[in-house]
């Protein structure tokens, strides 16, 4: 019986310590400065060859070049992209036509924590 009690206490303490040690999600929203920094960094990443587009980047670039709006509510009609995806939101609309630009922008936003 004492062994079961120790095991229960150990599990409870482990749970409490793990809950106390974890941080809550910040829930930060990207700012205009974040958008500008990533829009400035994306062309440099393209020149350096460090961006690797994925299929979604190619699909969004094709949609942007065609001038259409995709199913996930990305608006390509303005000067910047408005999207519920924080890694695409704020991208220059001209850059959205290039899959490699999108990959570089997404990578920058991901490094910033979005």
PDB file of N, CA and C in Angstrom:
ATOM      1  N   UNK A   1       0.812  -1.185   0.000  1.00  0.00           N
ATOM      2  CA  UNK A   1       0.000   0.000   0.000  1.00  0.00           C
ATOM      3  C   UNK A   1       0.864   1.260   0.000  1.00  0.00           C
ATOM      4  N   UNK A   2       1.966   1.229   0.726  1.00  0.00           N
ATOM      5  CA  UNK A   2       2.853   2.382   0.790  1.00  0.00           C
ATOM      6  C   UNK A   2       3.477   2.672  -0.569  1.00  0.00           C
ATOM      7  N   UNK A   3       3.747   1.617  -1.344  1.00  0.00           N
ATOM      8  CA  UNK A   3       4.329   1.784  -2.677  1.00  0.00           C
ATOM      9  C   UNK A   3       3.350   2.491  -3.611  1.00  0.00           C
ATOM     10  N   UNK A   4       2.085   2.129  -3.529  1.00  0.00           N
ATOM     11  CA  UNK A   4       1.070   2.789  -4.351  1.00  0.00           C
ATOM     12  C   UNK A   4       0.923   4.257  -3.958  1.00  0.00           C
ATOM     13  N   UNK A   5       0.974   4.528  -2.678  1.00  0.00           N
ATOM     14  CA  UNK A   5       0.875   5.911  -2.205  1.00  0.00           C
ATOM     15  C   UNK A   5       2.040   6.740  -2.729  1.00  0.00           C
ATOM     16  N   UNK A   6       3.265   6.200  -2.641  1.00  0.00           N
ATOM     17  CA  UNK A   6       4.452   6.908  -3.153  1.00  0.00           C
ATOM     18  C   UNK A   6       4.341   7.160  -4.651  1.00  0.00           C
ATOM     19  N   UNK A   7       3.847   6.156  -5.364  1.00  0.00           N
ATOM     20  CA  UNK A   7       3.693   6.298  -6.810  1.00  0.00           C
ATOM     21  C   UNK A   7       2.692   7.402  -7.135  1.00  0.00           C
ATOM     22  N   UNK A   8       1.583   7.436  -6.438  1.00  0.00           N
ATOM     23  CA  UNK A   8       0.572   8.481  -6.649  1.00  0.00           C
ATOM     24  C   UNK A   8       1.137   9.865  -6.325  1.00  0.00           C
ATOM     25  N   UNK A   9       1.864   9.990  -5.241  1.00  0.00           N
ATOM     26  CA  UNK A   9       2.459  11.269  -4.854  1.00  0.00           C
ATOM     27  C   UNK A   9       3.487  11.703  -5.897  1.00  0.00           C
ATOM     28  N   UNK A  10       4.297  10.762  -6.353  1.00  0.00           N
ATOM     29  CA  UNK A  10       5.309  11.072  -7.363  1.00  0.00           C
ATOM     30  C   UNK A  10       4.662  11.534  -8.659  1.00  0.00           C
ATOM     31  N   UNK A  11       3.634  10.850  -9.109  1.00  0.00           N
ATOM     32  CA  UNK A  11       2.928  11.254 -10.332  1.00  0.00           C
ATOM     33  C   UNK A  11       2.274  12.629 -10.177  1.00  0.00           C
ATOM     34  N   UNK A  12       1.663  12.867  -9.034  1.00  0.00           N
ATOM     35  CA  UNK A  12       1.018  14.155  -8.791  1.00  0.00           C
ATOM     36  C   UNK A  12       2.045  15.287  -8.777  1.00  0.00           C
ATOM     37  N   UNK A  13       3.178  15.054  -8.118  1.00  0.00           N
ATOM     38  CA  UNK A  13       4.225  16.076  -8.089  1.00  0.00           C
ATOM     39  C   UNK A  13       4.805  16.319  -9.476  1.00  0.00           C
ATOM     40  N   UNK A  14       4.985  15.252 -10.239  1.00  0.00           N
ATOM     41  CA  UNK A  14       5.492  15.397 -11.608  1.00  0.00           C
ATOM     42  C   UNK A  14       4.530  16.223 -12.448  1.00  0.00           C
ATOM     43  N   UNK A  15       3.253  15.963 -12.314  1.00  0.00           N
ATOM     44  CA  UNK A  15       2.246  16.728 -13.037  1.00  0.00           C
ATOM     45  C   UNK A  15       2.267  18.199 -12.628  1.00  0.00           C
ATOM     46  N   UNK A  16       2.320  18.469 -11.346  1.00  0.00           N
ATOM     47  CA  UNK A  16       2.344  19.853 -10.870  1.00  0.00           C
ATOM     48  C   UNK A  16       3.588  20.602 -11.339  1.00  0.00           C
ATOM     49  N   UNK A  17       4.739  19.956 -11.280  1.00  0.00           N
ATOM     50  CA  UNK A  17       5.982  20.596 -11.722  1.00  0.00           C
ATOM     51  C   UNK A  17       5.945  20.857 -13.222  1.00  0.00           C
ATOM     52  N   UNK A  18       5.434  19.905 -13.990  1.00  0.00           N
ATOM     53  CA  UNK A  18       5.384  20.109 -15.439  1.00  0.00           C
ATOM     54  C   UNK A  18       4.413  21.225 -15.807  1.00  0.00           C
ATOM     55  N   UNK A  19       3.302  21.326 -15.105  1.00  0.00           N
ATOM     56  CA  UNK A  19       2.362  22.418 -15.369  1.00  0.00           C
ATOM     57  C   UNK A  19       2.948  23.770 -14.965  1.00  0.00           C
ATOM     58  N   UNK A  20       3.676  23.801 -13.882  1.00  0.00           N
ATOM     59  CA  UNK A  20       4.270  25.053 -13.418  1.00  0.00           C
ATOM     60  C   UNK A  20       5.424  25.486 -14.327  1.00  0.00           C
ATOM     61  N   UNK A  21       6.115  24.531 -14.916  1.00  0.00           N
ATOM     62  CA  UNK A  21       7.281  24.851 -15.726  1.00  0.00           C
ATOM     63  C   UNK A  21       6.923  25.298 -17.132  1.00  0.00           C
ATOM     64  N   UNK A  22       5.762  24.920 -17.626  1.00  0.00           N
ATOM     65  CA  UNK A  22       5.395  25.301 -18.989  1.00  0.00           C
ATOM     66  C   UNK A  22       4.845  26.715 -19.008  1.00  0.00           C
ATOM     67  N   UNK A  23       5.171  27.418 -20.101  1.00  0.00           N
ATOM     68  CA  UNK A  23       4.658  28.775 -20.262  1.00  0.00           C
ATOM     69  C   UNK A  23       3.330  28.727 -21.001  1.00  0.00           C
ATOM     70  N   UNK A  24       2.525  29.719 -20.773  1.00  0.00           N
ATOM     71  CA  UNK A  24       1.298  29.835 -21.548  1.00  0.00           C
ATOM     72  C   UNK A  24       1.646  30.452 -22.891  1.00  0.00           C
ATOM     73  N   UNK A  25       0.833  30.194 -23.874  1.00  0.00           N
ATOM     74  CA  UNK A  25       1.067  30.748 -25.203  1.00  0.00           C
ATOM     75  C   UNK A  25       0.916  32.266 -25.154  1.00  0.00           C
ATOM     76  N   UNK A  26       1.846  32.950 -25.820  1.00  0.00           N
ATOM     77  CA  UNK A  26       1.819  34.410 -25.803  1.00  0.00           C
ATOM     78  C   UNK A  26       0.642  34.962 -26.583  1.00  0.00           C
ATOM     79  N   UNK A  27       0.306  34.351 -27.704  1.00  0.00           N
ATOM     80  CA  UNK A  27      -0.804  34.828 -28.506  1.00  0.00           C
ATOM     81  C   UNK A  27      -0.529  36.172 -29.140  1.00  0.00           C
ATOM     82  N   UNK A  28       0.729  36.445 -29.455  1.00  0.00           N
ATOM     83  CA  UNK A  28       1.079  37.720 -30.051  1.00  0.00           C
ATOM     84  C   UNK A  28       0.543  37.822 -31.472  1.00  0.00           C
ATOM     85  N   UNK A  29       0.274  39.027 -31.869  1.00  0.00           N
ATOM     86  CA  UNK A  29      -0.204  39.317 -33.213  1.00  0.00           C
ATOM     87  C   UNK A  29       0.921  40.028 -33.953  1.00  0.00           C
ATOM     88  N   UNK A  30       1.190  39.632 -35.211  1.00  0.00           N
ATOM     89  CA  UNK A  30       2.260  40.308 -35.947  1.00  0.00           C
ATOM     90  C   UNK A  30       1.936  41.788 -36.145  1.00  0.00           C
ATOM     91  N   UNK A  31       2.980  42.605 -36.096  1.00  0.00           N
ATOM     92  CA  UNK A  31       2.813  44.044 -36.263  1.00  0.00           C
ATOM     93  C   UNK A  31       3.241  44.469 -37.662  1.00  0.00           C
ATOM     94  N   UNK A  32       2.998  45.718 -37.983  1.00  0.00           N
ATOM     95  CA  UNK A  32       3.413  46.276 -39.266  1.00  0.00           C
ATOM     96  C   UNK A  32       4.931  46.182 -39.405  1.00  0.00           C
ATOM     97  N   UNK A  33       5.644  46.351 -38.303  1.00  0.00           N
ATOM     98  CA  UNK A  33       7.106  46.234 -38.331  1.00  0.00           C
ATOM     99  C   UNK A  33       7.535  44.808 -38.690  1.00  0.00           C
ATOM    100  N   UNK A  34       6.807  43.803 -38.191  1.00  0.00           N
ATOM    101  CA  UNK A  34       7.105  42.410 -38.540  1.00  0.00           C
ATOM    102  C   UNK A  34       6.883  42.182 -40.032  1.00  0.00           C
ATOM    103  N   UNK A  35       5.769  42.700 -40.549  1.00  0.00           N
ATOM    104  CA  UNK A  35       5.477  42.549 -41.978  1.00  0.00           C
ATOM    105  C   UNK A  35       6.564  43.209 -42.820  1.00  0.00           C
ATOM    106  N   UNK A  36       6.942  44.421 -42.451  1.00  0.00           N
ATOM    107  CA  UNK A  36       7.952  45.158 -43.219  1.00  0.00           C
ATOM    108  C   UNK A  36       9.299  44.440 -43.186  1.00  0.00           C
ATOM    109  N   UNK A  37       9.674  43.954 -42.017  1.00  0.00           N
ATOM    110  CA  UNK A  37      10.961  43.265 -41.899  1.00  0.00           C
ATOM    111  C   UNK A  37      10.994  42.011 -42.765  1.00  0.00           C
ATOM    112  N   UNK A  38       9.918  41.247 -42.753  1.00  0.00           N
ATOM    113  CA  UNK A  38       9.890  40.015 -43.553  1.00  0.00           C
ATOM    114  C   UNK A  38       9.768  40.312 -45.042  1.00  0.00           C
ATOM    115  N   UNK A  39       9.056  41.385 -45.396  1.00  0.00           N
ATOM    116  CA  UNK A  39       8.990  41.773 -46.811  1.00  0.00           C
ATOM    117  C   UNK A  39      10.343  42.260 -47.307  1.00  0.00           C
ATOM    118  N   UNK A  40      11.132  42.863 -46.436  1.00  0.00           N
ATOM    119  CA  UNK A  40      12.481  43.297 -46.814  1.00  0.00           C
ATOM    120  C   UNK A  40      13.454  42.122 -46.867  1.00  0.00           C
ATOM    121  N   UNK A  41      13.252  41.154 -45.978  1.00  0.00           N
ATOM    122  CA  UNK A  41      14.160  40.008 -45.892  1.00  0.00           C
ATOM    123  C   UNK A  41      13.926  38.983 -47.005  1.00  0.00           C
ATOM    124  N   UNK A  42      12.700  38.864 -47.490  1.00  0.00           N
ATOM    125  CA  UNK A  42      12.363  37.836 -48.479  1.00  0.00           C
ATOM    126  C   UNK A  42      13.196  37.942 -49.764  1.00  0.00           C
ATOM    127  N   UNK A  43      13.347  39.127 -50.367  1.00  0.00           N
ATOM    128  CA  UNK A  43      14.175  39.193 -51.584  1.00  0.00           C
ATOM    129  C   UNK A  43      15.633  38.802 -51.341  1.00  0.00           C
ATOM    130  N   UNK A  44      16.136  39.123 -50.156  1.00  0.00           N
ATOM    131  CA  UNK A  44      17.511  38.749 -49.827  1.00  0.00           C
ATOM    132  C   UNK A  44      17.643  37.229 -49.713  1.00  0.00           C
ATOM    133  N   UNK A  45      16.638  36.584 -49.148  1.00  0.00           N
ATOM    134  CA  UNK A  45      16.663  35.123 -49.024  1.00  0.00           C
ATOM    135  C   UNK A  45      16.566  34.467 -50.397  1.00  0.00           C
ATOM    136  N   UNK A  46      15.814  35.076 -51.308  1.00  0.00           N
ATOM    137  CA  UNK A  46      15.706  34.543 -52.669  1.00  0.00           C
ATOM    138  C   UNK A  46      17.065  34.616 -53.351  1.00  0.00           C
ATOM    139  N   UNK A  47      17.732  35.767 -53.232  1.00  0.00           N
ATOM    140  CA  UNK A  47      19.056  35.932 -53.846  1.00  0.00           C
ATOM    141  C   UNK A  47      20.059  34.954 -53.256  1.00  0.00           C
ATOM    142  N   UNK A  48      19.965  34.692 -51.954  1.00  0.00           N
ATOM    143  CA  UNK A  48      20.896  33.784 -51.289  1.00  0.00           C
ATOM    144  C   UNK A  48      20.551  32.317 -51.567  1.00  0.00           C
ATOM    145  N   UNK A  49      19.348  32.074 -52.082  1.00  0.00           N
ATOM    146  CA  UNK A  49      18.933  30.711 -52.377  1.00  0.00           C
ATOM    147  C   UNK A  49      18.578  29.897 -51.150  1.00  0.00           C
ATOM    148  N   UNK A  50      18.129  30.562 -50.086  1.00  0.00           N
ATOM    149  CA  UNK A  50      17.838  29.858 -48.836  1.00  0.00           C
ATOM    150  C   UNK A  50      16.360  29.528 -48.660  1.00  0.00           C
ATOM    151  N   UNK A  51      15.512  29.926 -49.604  1.00  0.00           N
ATOM    152  CA  UNK A  51      14.077  29.670 -49.482  1.00  0.00           C
ATOM    153  C   UNK A  51      13.685  28.493 -50.362  1.00  0.00           C
ATOM    154  N   UNK A  52      12.881  27.587 -49.808  1.00  0.00           N
ATOM    155  CA  UNK A  52      12.406  26.413 -50.542  1.00  0.00           C
ATOM    156  C   UNK A  52      10.888  26.389 -50.521  1.00  0.00           C
ATOM    157  N   UNK A  53      10.243  26.741 -51.626  1.00  0.00           N
ATOM    158  CA  UNK A  53       8.779  26.757 -51.649  1.00  0.00           C
ATOM    159  C   UNK A  53       8.185  25.352 -51.563  1.00  0.00           C
ATOM    160  N   UNK A  54       7.008  25.285 -50.958  1.00  0.00           N
ATOM    161  CA  UNK A  54       6.261  24.033 -50.867  1.00  0.00           C
ATOM    162  C   UNK A  54       5.086  24.105 -51.847  1.00  0.00           C
ATOM    163  N   UNK A  55       4.331  23.039 -51.949  1.00  0.00           N
ATOM    164  CA  UNK A  55       3.208  22.996 -52.899  1.00  0.00           C
ATOM    165  C   UNK A  55       2.197  24.123 -52.639  1.00  0.00           C
ATOM    166  N   UNK A  56       1.931  24.417 -51.370  1.00  0.00           N
ATOM    167  CA  UNK A  56       0.993  25.489 -51.047  1.00  0.00           C
ATOM    168  C   UNK A  56       1.468  26.841 -51.554  1.00  0.00           C
ATOM    169  N   UNK A  57       2.779  27.073 -51.505  1.00  0.00           N
ATOM    170  CA  UNK A  57       3.329  28.328 -52.029  1.00  0.00           C
ATOM    171  C   UNK A  57       3.085  28.424 -53.529  1.00  0.00           C
ATOM    172  N   UNK A  58       3.310  27.323 -54.234  1.00  0.00           N
ATOM    173  CA  UNK A  58       3.087  27.311 -55.685  1.00  0.00           C
ATOM    174  C   UNK A  58       1.614  27.552 -56.013  1.00  0.00           C
ATOM    175  N   UNK A  59       0.713  26.922 -55.255  1.00  0.00           N
ATOM    176  CA  UNK A  59      -0.719  27.088 -55.493  1.00  0.00           C
ATOM    177  C   UNK A  59      -1.155  28.527 -55.244  1.00  0.00           C
ATOM    178  N   UNK A  60      -0.679  29.126 -54.134  1.00  0.00           N
ATOM    179  CA  UNK A  60      -1.037  30.522 -53.848  1.00  0.00           C
ATOM    180  C   UNK A  60      -0.458  31.462 -54.887  1.00  0.00           C
ATOM    181  N   UNK A  61       0.774  31.188 -55.350  1.00  0.00           N
ATOM    182  CA  UNK A  61       1.396  32.040 -56.369  1.00  0.00           C
ATOM    183  C   UNK A  61       0.615  31.963 -57.673  1.00  0.00           C
ATOM    184  N   UNK A  62       0.176  30.770 -58.042  1.00  0.00           N
ATOM    185  CA  UNK A  62      -0.637  30.618 -59.253  1.00  0.00           C
ATOM    186  C   UNK A  62      -1.943  31.392 -59.120  1.00  0.00           C
ATOM    187  N   UNK A  63      -2.574  31.317 -57.955  1.00  0.00           N
ATOM    188  CA  UNK A  63      -3.822  32.054 -57.720  1.00  0.00           C
ATOM    189  C   UNK A  63      -3.587  33.558 -57.764  1.00  0.00           C
ATOM    190  N   UNK A  64      -2.474  34.007 -57.197  1.00  0.00           N
ATOM    191  CA  UNK A  64      -2.166  35.442 -57.196  1.00  0.00           C
ATOM    192  C   UNK A  64      -1.912  35.940 -58.614  1.00  0.00           C
ATOM    193  N   UNK A  65      -1.189  35.154 -59.396  1.00  0.00           N
ATOM    194  CA  UNK A  65      -0.928  35.553 -60.790  1.00  0.00           C
ATOM    195  C   UNK A  65      -2.212  35.599 -61.605  1.00  0.00           C
ATOM    196  N   UNK A  66      -3.155  34.689 -61.288  1.00  0.00           N
ATOM    197  CA  UNK A  66      -4.432  34.655 -61.997  1.00  0.00           C
ATOM    198  C   UNK A  66      -5.384  35.729 -61.478  1.00  0.00           C
ATOM    199  N   UNK A  67      -5.044  36.330 -60.345  1.00  0.00           N
ATOM    200  CA  UNK A  67      -5.889  37.378 -59.768  1.00  0.00           C
ATOM    201  C   UNK A  67      -7.114  36.836 -59.056  1.00  0.00           C
ATOM    202  N   UNK A  68      -7.108  35.570 -58.726  1.00  0.00           N
ATOM    203  CA  UNK A  68      -8.268  34.971 -58.061  1.00  0.00           C
ATOM    204  C   UNK A  68      -8.077  34.963 -56.549  1.00  0.00           C
ATOM    205  N   UNK A  69      -9.164  34.730 -55.869  1.00  0.00           N
ATOM    206  CA  UNK A  69      -9.141  34.608 -54.414  1.00  0.00           C
ATOM    207  C   UNK A  69      -9.318  33.136 -54.089  1.00  0.00           C
ATOM    208  N   UNK A  70      -8.481  32.619 -53.228  1.00  0.00           N
ATOM    209  CA  UNK A  70      -8.521  31.196 -52.905  1.00  0.00           C
ATOM    210  C   UNK A  70      -9.551  30.897 -51.831  1.00  0.00           C
ATOM    211  N   UNK A  71      -9.735  29.627 -51.564  1.00  0.00           N
ATOM    212  CA  UNK A  71     -10.740  29.166 -50.606  1.00  0.00           C
ATOM    213  C   UNK A  71     -10.422  29.558 -49.170  1.00  0.00           C
ATOM    214  N   UNK A  72      -9.166  29.820 -48.828  1.00  0.00           N
ATOM    215  CA  UNK A  72      -8.839  30.111 -47.434  1.00  0.00           C
ATOM    216  C   UNK A  72      -8.810  31.606 -47.147  1.00  0.00           C
ATOM    217  N   UNK A  73      -9.613  32.357 -47.844  1.00  0.00           N
ATOM    218  CA  UNK A  73      -9.869  33.779 -47.619  1.00  0.00           C
ATOM    219  C   UNK A  73      -8.625  34.655 -47.702  1.00  0.00           C
ATOM    220  N   UNK A  74      -7.733  34.345 -48.623  1.00  0.00           N
ATOM    221  CA  UNK A  74      -6.596  35.217 -48.856  1.00  0.00           C
ATOM    222  C   UNK A  74      -7.004  36.220 -49.930  1.00  0.00           C
ATOM    223  N   UNK A  75      -6.825  37.478 -49.666  1.00  0.00           N
ATOM    224  CA  UNK A  75      -7.198  38.529 -50.606  1.00  0.00           C
ATOM    225  C   UNK A  75      -5.950  39.029 -51.302  1.00  0.00           C
ATOM    226  N   UNK A  76      -5.840  38.777 -52.607  1.00  0.00           N
ATOM    227  CA  UNK A  76      -4.686  39.195 -53.386  1.00  0.00           C
ATOM    228  C   UNK A  76      -4.917  40.547 -54.073  1.00  0.00           C
ATOM    229  N   UNK A  77      -6.036  41.199 -53.834  1.00  0.00           N
ATOM    230  CA  UNK A  77      -6.383  42.392 -54.598  1.00  0.00           C
ATOM    231  C   UNK A  77      -5.711  43.665 -54.102  1.00  0.00           C
ATOM    232  N   UNK A  78      -5.312  43.706 -52.865  1.00  0.00           N
ATOM    233  CA  UNK A  78      -4.701  44.914 -52.309  1.00  0.00           C
ATOM    234  C   UNK A  78      -3.200  44.949 -52.484  1.00  0.00           C
ATOM    235  N   UNK A  79      -2.560  45.839 -51.737  1.00  0.00           N
ATOM    236  CA  UNK A  79      -1.098  45.946 -51.787  1.00  0.00           C
ATOM    237  C   UNK A  79      -0.422  44.910 -50.911  1.00  0.00           C
ATOM    238  N   UNK A  80      -1.136  44.420 -49.899  1.00  0.00           N
ATOM    239  CA  UNK A  80      -0.618  43.354 -49.033  1.00  0.00           C
ATOM    240  C   UNK A  80      -1.668  42.261 -48.927  1.00  0.00           C
ATOM    241  N   UNK A  81      -1.214  41.083 -48.572  1.00  0.00           N
ATOM    242  CA  UNK A  81      -2.107  39.935 -48.432  1.00  0.00           C
ATOM    243  C   UNK A  81      -2.777  39.990 -47.065  1.00  0.00           C
ATOM    244  N   UNK A  82      -4.091  39.793 -47.051  1.00  0.00           N
ATOM    245  CA  UNK A  82      -4.832  39.687 -45.805  1.00  0.00           C
ATOM    246  C   UNK A  82      -5.288  38.251 -45.691  1.00  0.00           C
ATOM    247  N   UNK A  83      -4.790  37.569 -44.668  1.00  0.00           N
ATOM    248  CA  UNK A  83      -5.091  36.153 -44.507  1.00  0.00           C
ATOM    249  C   UNK A  83      -5.219  35.803 -43.039  1.00  0.00           C
ATOM    250  N   UNK A  84      -5.964  34.746 -42.766  1.00  0.00           N
ATOM    251  CA  UNK A  84      -6.050  34.250 -41.393  1.00  0.00           C
ATOM    252  C   UNK A  84      -4.777  33.494 -41.030  1.00  0.00           C
ATOM    253  N   UNK A  85      -3.961  33.153 -42.026  1.00  0.00           N
ATOM    254  CA  UNK A  85      -2.685  32.482 -41.793  1.00  0.00           C
ATOM    255  C   UNK A  85      -1.643  33.538 -41.439  1.00  0.00           C
ATOM    256  N   UNK A  86      -1.146  33.575 -40.194  1.00  0.00           N
ATOM    257  CA  UNK A  86      -0.218  34.629 -39.788  1.00  0.00           C
ATOM    258  C   UNK A  86       1.124  34.574 -40.514  1.00  0.00           C
ATOM    259  N   UNK A  87       1.448  33.456 -41.155  1.00  0.00           N
ATOM    260  CA  UNK A  87       2.711  33.370 -41.883  1.00  0.00           C
ATOM    261  C   UNK A  87       2.594  33.936 -43.295  1.00  0.00           C
ATOM    262  N   UNK A  88       1.388  34.242 -43.745  1.00  0.00           N
ATOM    263  CA  UNK A  88       1.163  34.832 -45.065  1.00  0.00           C
ATOM    264  C   UNK A  88       0.645  36.264 -44.938  1.00  0.00           C
ATOM    265  N   UNK A  89      -0.084  36.540 -43.878  1.00  0.00           N
ATOM    266  CA  UNK A  89      -0.686  37.856 -43.677  1.00  0.00           C
ATOM    267  C   UNK A  89       0.386  38.951 -43.708  1.00  0.00           C
ATOM    268  N   UNK A  90       0.122  40.019 -44.424  1.00  0.00           N
ATOM    269  CA  UNK A  90       1.035  41.156 -44.474  1.00  0.00           C
ATOM    270  C   UNK A  90       2.056  41.089 -45.589  1.00  0.00           C
ATOM    271  N   UNK A  91       2.080  40.008 -46.342  1.00  0.00           N
ATOM    272  CA  UNK A  91       3.030  39.873 -47.449  1.00  0.00           C
ATOM    273  C   UNK A  91       2.636  40.835 -48.571  1.00  0.00           C
ATOM    274  N   UNK A  92       3.643  41.412 -49.230  1.00  0.00           N
ATOM    275  CA  UNK A  92       3.360  42.270 -50.370  1.00  0.00           C
ATOM    276  C   UNK A  92       2.650  41.458 -51.441  1.00  0.00           C
ATOM    277  N   UNK A  93       1.602  42.035 -52.023  1.00  0.00           N
ATOM    278  CA  UNK A  93       0.833  41.324 -53.044  1.00  0.00           C
ATOM    279  C   UNK A  93       1.699  40.977 -54.248  1.00  0.00           C
ATOM    280  N   UNK A  94       2.646  41.846 -54.588  1.00  0.00           N
ATOM    281  CA  UNK A  94       3.536  41.552 -55.722  1.00  0.00           C
ATOM    282  C   UNK A  94       4.405  40.334 -55.416  1.00  0.00           C
ATOM    283  N   UNK A  95       4.843  40.194 -54.184  1.00  0.00           N
ATOM    284  CA  UNK A  95       5.657  39.050 -53.793  1.00  0.00           C
ATOM    285  C   UNK A  95       4.856  37.768 -53.738  1.00  0.00           C
ATOM    286  N   UNK A  96       3.549  37.882 -53.542  1.00  0.00           N
ATOM    287  CA  UNK A  96       2.698  36.703 -53.456  1.00  0.00           C
ATOM    288  C   UNK A  96       2.628  35.955 -54.781  1.00  0.00           C
ATOM    289  N   UNK A  97       3.035  36.600 -55.847  1.00  0.00           N
ATOM    290  CA  UNK A  97       3.014  35.953 -57.163  1.00  0.00           C
ATOM    291  C   UNK A  97       4.215  35.053 -57.379  1.00  0.00           C
ATOM    292  N   UNK A  98       5.146  35.046 -56.432  1.00  0.00           N
ATOM    293  CA  UNK A  98       6.362  34.249 -56.529  1.00  0.00           C
ATOM    294  C   UNK A  98       6.393  33.247 -55.370  1.00  0.00           C
ATOM    295  N   UNK A  99       6.394  31.962 -55.707  1.00  0.00           N
ATOM    296  CA  UNK A  99       6.364  30.920 -54.671  1.00  0.00           C
ATOM    297  C   UNK A  99       7.596  30.983 -53.772  1.00  0.00           C
ATOM    298  N   UNK A 100       8.745  31.320 -54.333  1.00  0.00           N
ATOM    299  CA  UNK A 100       9.967  31.389 -53.527  1.00  0.00           C
ATOM    300  C   UNK A 100       9.901  32.569 -52.556  1.00  0.00           C
ATOM    301  N   UNK A 101       9.330  33.679 -52.999  1.00  0.00           N
ATOM    302  CA  UNK A 101       9.126  34.829 -52.112  1.00  0.00           C
ATOM    303  C   UNK A 101       8.230  34.421 -50.942  1.00  0.00           C
ATOM    304  N   UNK A 102       7.154  33.692 -51.244  1.00  0.00           N
ATOM    305  CA  UNK A 102       6.248  33.245 -50.185  1.00  0.00           C
ATOM    306  C   UNK A 102       6.970  32.367 -49.177  1.00  0.00           C
ATOM    307  N   UNK A 103       7.814  31.462 -49.677  1.00  0.00           N
ATOM    308  CA  UNK A 103       8.561  30.575 -48.776  1.00  0.00           C
ATOM    309  C   UNK A 103       9.493  31.377 -47.875  1.00  0.00           C
ATOM    310  N   UNK A 104      10.164  32.370 -48.442  1.00  0.00           N
ATOM    311  CA  UNK A 104      11.080  33.200 -47.657  1.00  0.00           C
ATOM    312  C   UNK A 104      10.310  34.018 -46.621  1.00  0.00           C
ATOM    313  N   UNK A 105       9.161  34.565 -47.020  1.00  0.00           N
ATOM    314  CA  UNK A 105       8.335  35.360 -46.102  1.00  0.00           C
ATOM    315  C   UNK A 105       7.818  34.483 -44.960  1.00  0.00           C
ATOM    316  N   UNK A 106       7.290  33.300 -45.303  1.00  0.00           N
ATOM    317  CA  UNK A 106       6.790  32.382 -44.277  1.00  0.00           C
ATOM    318  C   UNK A 106       7.894  32.003 -43.296  1.00  0.00           C
ATOM    319  N   UNK A 107       9.085  31.744 -43.818  1.00  0.00           N
ATOM    320  CA  UNK A 107      10.207  31.370 -42.961  1.00  0.00           C
ATOM    321  C   UNK A 107      10.544  32.501 -41.994  1.00  0.00           C
ATOM    322  N   UNK A 108      10.550  33.719 -42.480  1.00  0.00           N
ATOM    323  CA  UNK A 108      10.827  34.880 -41.627  1.00  0.00           C
ATOM    324  C   UNK A 108       9.772  35.018 -40.533  1.00  0.00           C
ATOM    325  N   UNK A 109       8.503  34.902 -40.916  1.00  0.00           N
ATOM    326  CA  UNK A 109       7.422  35.031 -39.930  1.00  0.00           C
ATOM    327  C   UNK A 109       7.486  33.906 -38.901  1.00  0.00           C
ATOM    328  N   UNK A 110       7.857  32.719 -39.342  1.00  0.00           N
ATOM    329  CA  UNK A 110       7.981  31.590 -38.418  1.00  0.00           C
ATOM    330  C   UNK A 110       9.105  31.845 -37.417  1.00  0.00           C
ATOM    331  N   UNK A 111      10.237  32.397 -37.892  1.00  0.00           N
ATOM    332  CA  UNK A 111      11.335  32.717 -36.968  1.00  0.00           C
ATOM    333  C   UNK A 111      10.928  33.779 -35.961  1.00  0.00           C
ATOM    334  N   UNK A 112      10.010  34.655 -36.342  1.00  0.00           N
ATOM    335  CA  UNK A 112       9.529  35.689 -35.429  1.00  0.00           C
ATOM    336  C   UNK A 112       8.474  35.146 -34.456  1.00  0.00           C
ATOM    337  N   UNK A 113       8.087  33.897 -34.631  1.00  0.00           N
ATOM    338  CA  UNK A 113       7.156  33.267 -33.695  1.00  0.00           C
ATOM    339  C   UNK A 113       5.708  33.254 -34.129  1.00  0.00           C
ATOM    340  N   UNK A 114       5.461  33.484 -35.407  1.00  0.00           N
ATOM    341  CA  UNK A 114       4.071  33.499 -35.895  1.00  0.00           C
ATOM    342  C   UNK A 114       3.796  32.319 -36.774  1.00  0.00           C
TER     343      UNK A 114
END
